[in-house]
Amino acid sequence: MEDIKQAIMDFAEKSKKSKFYFNDIQKAVQKVIPDAKARAIKKAATALINEEKLIYFSTGSSTMYGMKGRGQTEDH
C-alpha cells in the first residue's frame, strides 16, 4: 500500500492539473506498478485523504481528487 500511496503523491506533485479524476490516478499508478488493482489504488487514495495529503473536490456531478493546498480548493 505504501508504494501505491507514494506513486499517487508523485503523480499529484508532477501533474500540471490541480484536480484529477480517479481514472487519471489509476493510469498513473499502473504505469509505475502495472499489477496494482483499482481497489488497492482506491484504498490508498482514501488513506491519503484520511491523512489530509489529498482532498476530495466535488463538481456536483463527479468527485475529483486534489492535492491539499494546491490550486483552488474548498478550504481556501
N, C-alpha and C. Protein backbone atom coordinates (compact mmCIF):
# COMPACT_ATOMS: atom_id res chain seq x y z
N MET A 1 0.83 -1.21 0.00
CA MET A 1 0.00 0.00 0.00
C MET A 1 0.86 1.26 0.00
N GLU A 2 1.98 1.25 0.73
CA GLU A 2 2.84 2.44 0.79
C GLU A 2 3.40 2.82 -0.57
N ASP A 3 3.75 1.81 -1.38
CA ASP A 3 4.29 2.12 -2.71
C ASP A 3 3.22 2.72 -3.61
N ILE A 4 1.98 2.29 -3.46
CA ILE A 4 0.87 2.87 -4.23
C ILE A 4 0.63 4.30 -3.78
N LYS A 5 0.63 4.54 -2.46
CA LYS A 5 0.44 5.89 -1.94
C LYS A 5 1.54 6.82 -2.46
N GLN A 6 2.78 6.32 -2.51
CA GLN A 6 3.89 7.13 -3.00
C GLN A 6 3.71 7.45 -4.48
N ALA A 7 3.24 6.47 -5.26
CA ALA A 7 3.01 6.68 -6.69
C ALA A 7 1.92 7.73 -6.90
N ILE A 8 0.88 7.70 -6.07
CA ILE A 8 -0.20 8.69 -6.16
C ILE A 8 0.34 10.09 -5.84
N MET A 9 1.13 10.21 -4.78
CA MET A 9 1.68 11.51 -4.41
C MET A 9 2.64 12.03 -5.47
N ASP A 10 3.45 11.15 -6.06
CA ASP A 10 4.35 11.56 -7.14
C ASP A 10 3.56 12.11 -8.31
N PHE A 11 2.48 11.40 -8.68
CA PHE A 11 1.62 11.85 -9.77
C PHE A 11 0.99 13.20 -9.44
N ALA A 12 0.48 13.34 -8.22
CA ALA A 12 -0.19 14.59 -7.82
C ALA A 12 0.77 15.77 -7.83
N GLU A 13 2.01 15.53 -7.41
CA GLU A 13 3.01 16.60 -7.38
C GLU A 13 3.47 17.00 -8.77
N LYS A 14 3.57 16.04 -9.69
CA LYS A 14 4.08 16.32 -11.03
C LYS A 14 2.99 16.78 -11.99
N SER A 15 1.74 16.51 -11.66
CA SER A 15 0.63 16.83 -12.55
C SER A 15 0.51 18.34 -12.78
N LYS A 16 0.22 18.72 -14.02
CA LYS A 16 0.00 20.13 -14.34
C LYS A 16 -1.34 20.60 -13.78
N LYS A 17 -2.26 19.65 -13.63
CA LYS A 17 -3.59 19.98 -13.11
C LYS A 17 -3.59 19.93 -11.59
N SER A 18 -4.45 20.74 -10.98
CA SER A 18 -4.54 20.70 -9.52
C SER A 18 -5.61 19.71 -9.04
N LYS A 19 -6.49 19.30 -9.98
CA LYS A 19 -7.54 18.33 -9.65
C LYS A 19 -7.54 17.23 -10.71
N PHE A 20 -7.84 16.03 -10.31
CA PHE A 20 -7.84 14.93 -11.26
C PHE A 20 -8.85 13.87 -10.86
N TYR A 21 -9.28 13.11 -11.86
CA TYR A 21 -10.24 12.03 -11.64
C TYR A 21 -9.51 10.78 -11.15
N PHE A 22 -10.28 9.87 -10.57
CA PHE A 22 -9.70 8.61 -10.09
C PHE A 22 -9.04 7.86 -11.25
N ASN A 23 -9.66 7.90 -12.43
CA ASN A 23 -9.09 7.19 -13.59
C ASN A 23 -7.69 7.70 -13.92
N ASP A 24 -7.47 9.01 -13.77
CA ASP A 24 -6.14 9.58 -14.01
C ASP A 24 -5.13 9.01 -13.01
N ILE A 25 -5.55 8.95 -11.75
CA ILE A 25 -4.69 8.39 -10.71
C ILE A 25 -4.38 6.93 -11.00
N GLN A 26 -5.42 6.18 -11.38
CA GLN A 26 -5.26 4.75 -11.64
C GLN A 26 -4.27 4.52 -12.79
N LYS A 27 -4.40 5.26 -13.87
CA LYS A 27 -3.48 5.11 -15.01
C LYS A 27 -2.05 5.43 -14.60
N ALA A 28 -1.87 6.50 -13.84
CA ALA A 28 -0.53 6.91 -13.41
C ALA A 28 0.11 5.85 -12.50
N VAL A 29 -0.67 5.31 -11.58
CA VAL A 29 -0.14 4.29 -10.67
C VAL A 29 0.21 3.02 -11.44
N GLN A 30 -0.65 2.63 -12.39
CA GLN A 30 -0.41 1.39 -13.12
C GLN A 30 0.76 1.50 -14.10
N LYS A 31 1.18 2.72 -14.44
CA LYS A 31 2.42 2.88 -15.22
C LYS A 31 3.62 2.50 -14.38
N VAL A 32 3.56 2.86 -13.08
CA VAL A 32 4.66 2.59 -12.16
C VAL A 32 4.56 1.18 -11.58
N ILE A 33 3.34 0.78 -11.22
CA ILE A 33 3.08 -0.53 -10.61
C ILE A 33 2.02 -1.24 -11.46
N PRO A 34 2.44 -1.92 -12.55
CA PRO A 34 1.49 -2.49 -13.51
C PRO A 34 0.46 -3.46 -12.91
N ASP A 35 0.81 -4.16 -11.84
CA ASP A 35 -0.12 -5.13 -11.26
C ASP A 35 -1.01 -4.55 -10.17
N ALA A 36 -0.99 -3.23 -9.98
CA ALA A 36 -1.85 -2.60 -8.96
C ALA A 36 -3.30 -2.68 -9.40
N LYS A 37 -4.15 -3.12 -8.51
CA LYS A 37 -5.58 -3.25 -8.81
C LYS A 37 -6.32 -1.98 -8.42
N ALA A 38 -7.42 -1.71 -9.11
CA ALA A 38 -8.20 -0.49 -8.87
C ALA A 38 -8.63 -0.39 -7.42
N ARG A 39 -9.02 -1.49 -6.81
CA ARG A 39 -9.48 -1.47 -5.42
C ARG A 39 -8.35 -1.04 -4.47
N ALA A 40 -7.14 -1.54 -4.72
CA ALA A 40 -5.99 -1.17 -3.87
C ALA A 40 -5.64 0.31 -4.06
N ILE A 41 -5.75 0.78 -5.30
CA ILE A 41 -5.45 2.19 -5.58
C ILE A 41 -6.48 3.08 -4.89
N LYS A 42 -7.75 2.68 -4.94
CA LYS A 42 -8.82 3.44 -4.29
C LYS A 42 -8.59 3.49 -2.78
N LYS A 43 -8.21 2.35 -2.19
CA LYS A 43 -7.93 2.32 -0.75
C LYS A 43 -6.77 3.24 -0.39
N ALA A 44 -5.72 3.25 -1.22
CA ALA A 44 -4.55 4.10 -0.97
C ALA A 44 -4.95 5.57 -1.09
N ALA A 45 -5.77 5.91 -2.08
CA ALA A 45 -6.22 7.29 -2.26
C ALA A 45 -7.07 7.73 -1.06
N THR A 46 -7.93 6.85 -0.58
CA THR A 46 -8.75 7.15 0.59
C THR A 46 -7.87 7.33 1.82
N ALA A 47 -6.83 6.52 1.96
CA ALA A 47 -5.91 6.66 3.08
C ALA A 47 -5.21 8.02 3.02
N LEU A 48 -4.83 8.46 1.82
CA LEU A 48 -4.18 9.77 1.68
C LEU A 48 -5.15 10.90 2.03
N ILE A 49 -6.42 10.71 1.74
CA ILE A 49 -7.43 11.71 2.13
C ILE A 49 -7.56 11.73 3.65
N ASN A 50 -7.58 10.57 4.27
CA ASN A 50 -7.65 10.49 5.73
C ASN A 50 -6.42 11.11 6.39
N GLU A 51 -5.27 11.02 5.71
CA GLU A 51 -4.04 11.62 6.23
C GLU A 51 -3.95 13.11 5.88
N GLU A 52 -4.95 13.60 5.19
CA GLU A 52 -5.06 15.01 4.76
C GLU A 52 -3.93 15.42 3.81
N LYS A 53 -3.45 14.49 2.99
CA LYS A 53 -2.48 14.81 1.95
C LYS A 53 -3.21 15.10 0.64
N LEU A 54 -4.36 14.44 0.46
CA LEU A 54 -5.23 14.70 -0.68
C LEU A 54 -6.58 15.15 -0.13
N ILE A 55 -7.36 15.82 -1.00
CA ILE A 55 -8.71 16.20 -0.61
C ILE A 55 -9.67 15.84 -1.74
N TYR A 56 -10.93 15.68 -1.39
CA TYR A 56 -11.97 15.49 -2.39
C TYR A 56 -12.37 16.86 -2.92
N PHE A 57 -12.71 16.91 -4.19
CA PHE A 57 -13.24 18.13 -4.78
C PHE A 57 -14.46 17.72 -5.58
N SER A 58 -15.62 18.18 -5.17
CA SER A 58 -16.86 17.79 -5.84
C SER A 58 -17.28 18.87 -6.83
N THR A 59 -17.54 18.44 -8.06
CA THR A 59 -18.03 19.37 -9.08
C THR A 59 -19.55 19.34 -9.14
N GLY A 60 -20.16 18.57 -8.30
CA GLY A 60 -21.61 18.42 -8.31
C GLY A 60 -22.01 17.13 -9.00
N SER A 61 -21.42 16.89 -10.17
CA SER A 61 -21.77 15.68 -10.91
C SER A 61 -20.72 14.58 -10.72
N SER A 62 -19.51 14.98 -10.37
CA SER A 62 -18.46 13.98 -10.17
C SER A 62 -17.52 14.43 -9.06
N THR A 63 -16.81 13.47 -8.53
CA THR A 63 -15.85 13.78 -7.47
C THR A 63 -14.45 13.66 -8.03
N MET A 64 -13.65 14.66 -7.75
CA MET A 64 -12.27 14.66 -8.19
C MET A 64 -11.37 14.67 -6.95
N TYR A 65 -10.11 14.40 -7.17
CA TYR A 65 -9.13 14.44 -6.10
C TYR A 65 -8.22 15.63 -6.34
N GLY A 66 -7.72 16.21 -5.28
CA GLY A 66 -6.78 17.30 -5.40
C GLY A 66 -5.75 17.20 -4.30
N MET A 67 -4.61 17.82 -4.55
CA MET A 67 -3.57 17.84 -3.54
C MET A 67 -3.86 18.98 -2.58
N LYS A 68 -3.85 18.71 -1.30
CA LYS A 68 -4.18 19.73 -0.31
C LYS A 68 -3.25 20.92 -0.44
N GLY A 69 -3.84 22.12 -0.50
CA GLY A 69 -3.05 23.34 -0.56
C GLY A 69 -2.59 23.73 -1.95
N ARG A 70 -3.00 22.99 -2.95
CA ARG A 70 -2.58 23.29 -4.32
C ARG A 70 -3.79 23.59 -5.19
N GLY A 71 -3.77 24.70 -5.89
CA GLY A 71 -4.89 25.06 -6.76
C GLY A 71 -6.06 25.59 -5.97
N GLN A 72 -7.17 25.76 -6.64
CA GLN A 72 -8.37 26.27 -5.99
C GLN A 72 -9.12 25.11 -5.36
N THR A 73 -9.16 25.11 -4.05
CA THR A 73 -9.84 24.02 -3.33
C THR A 73 -10.83 24.63 -2.35
N GLU A 74 -11.66 23.78 -1.78
CA GLU A 74 -12.73 24.24 -0.91
C GLU A 74 -12.24 24.85 0.39
N ASP A 75 -11.00 24.56 0.79
CA ASP A 75 -10.53 25.09 2.07
C ASP A 75 -9.84 26.45 1.93
N HIS A 76 -9.99 27.13 0.81
CA HIS A 76 -9.40 28.47 0.62
C HIS A 76 -10.41 29.54 0.96
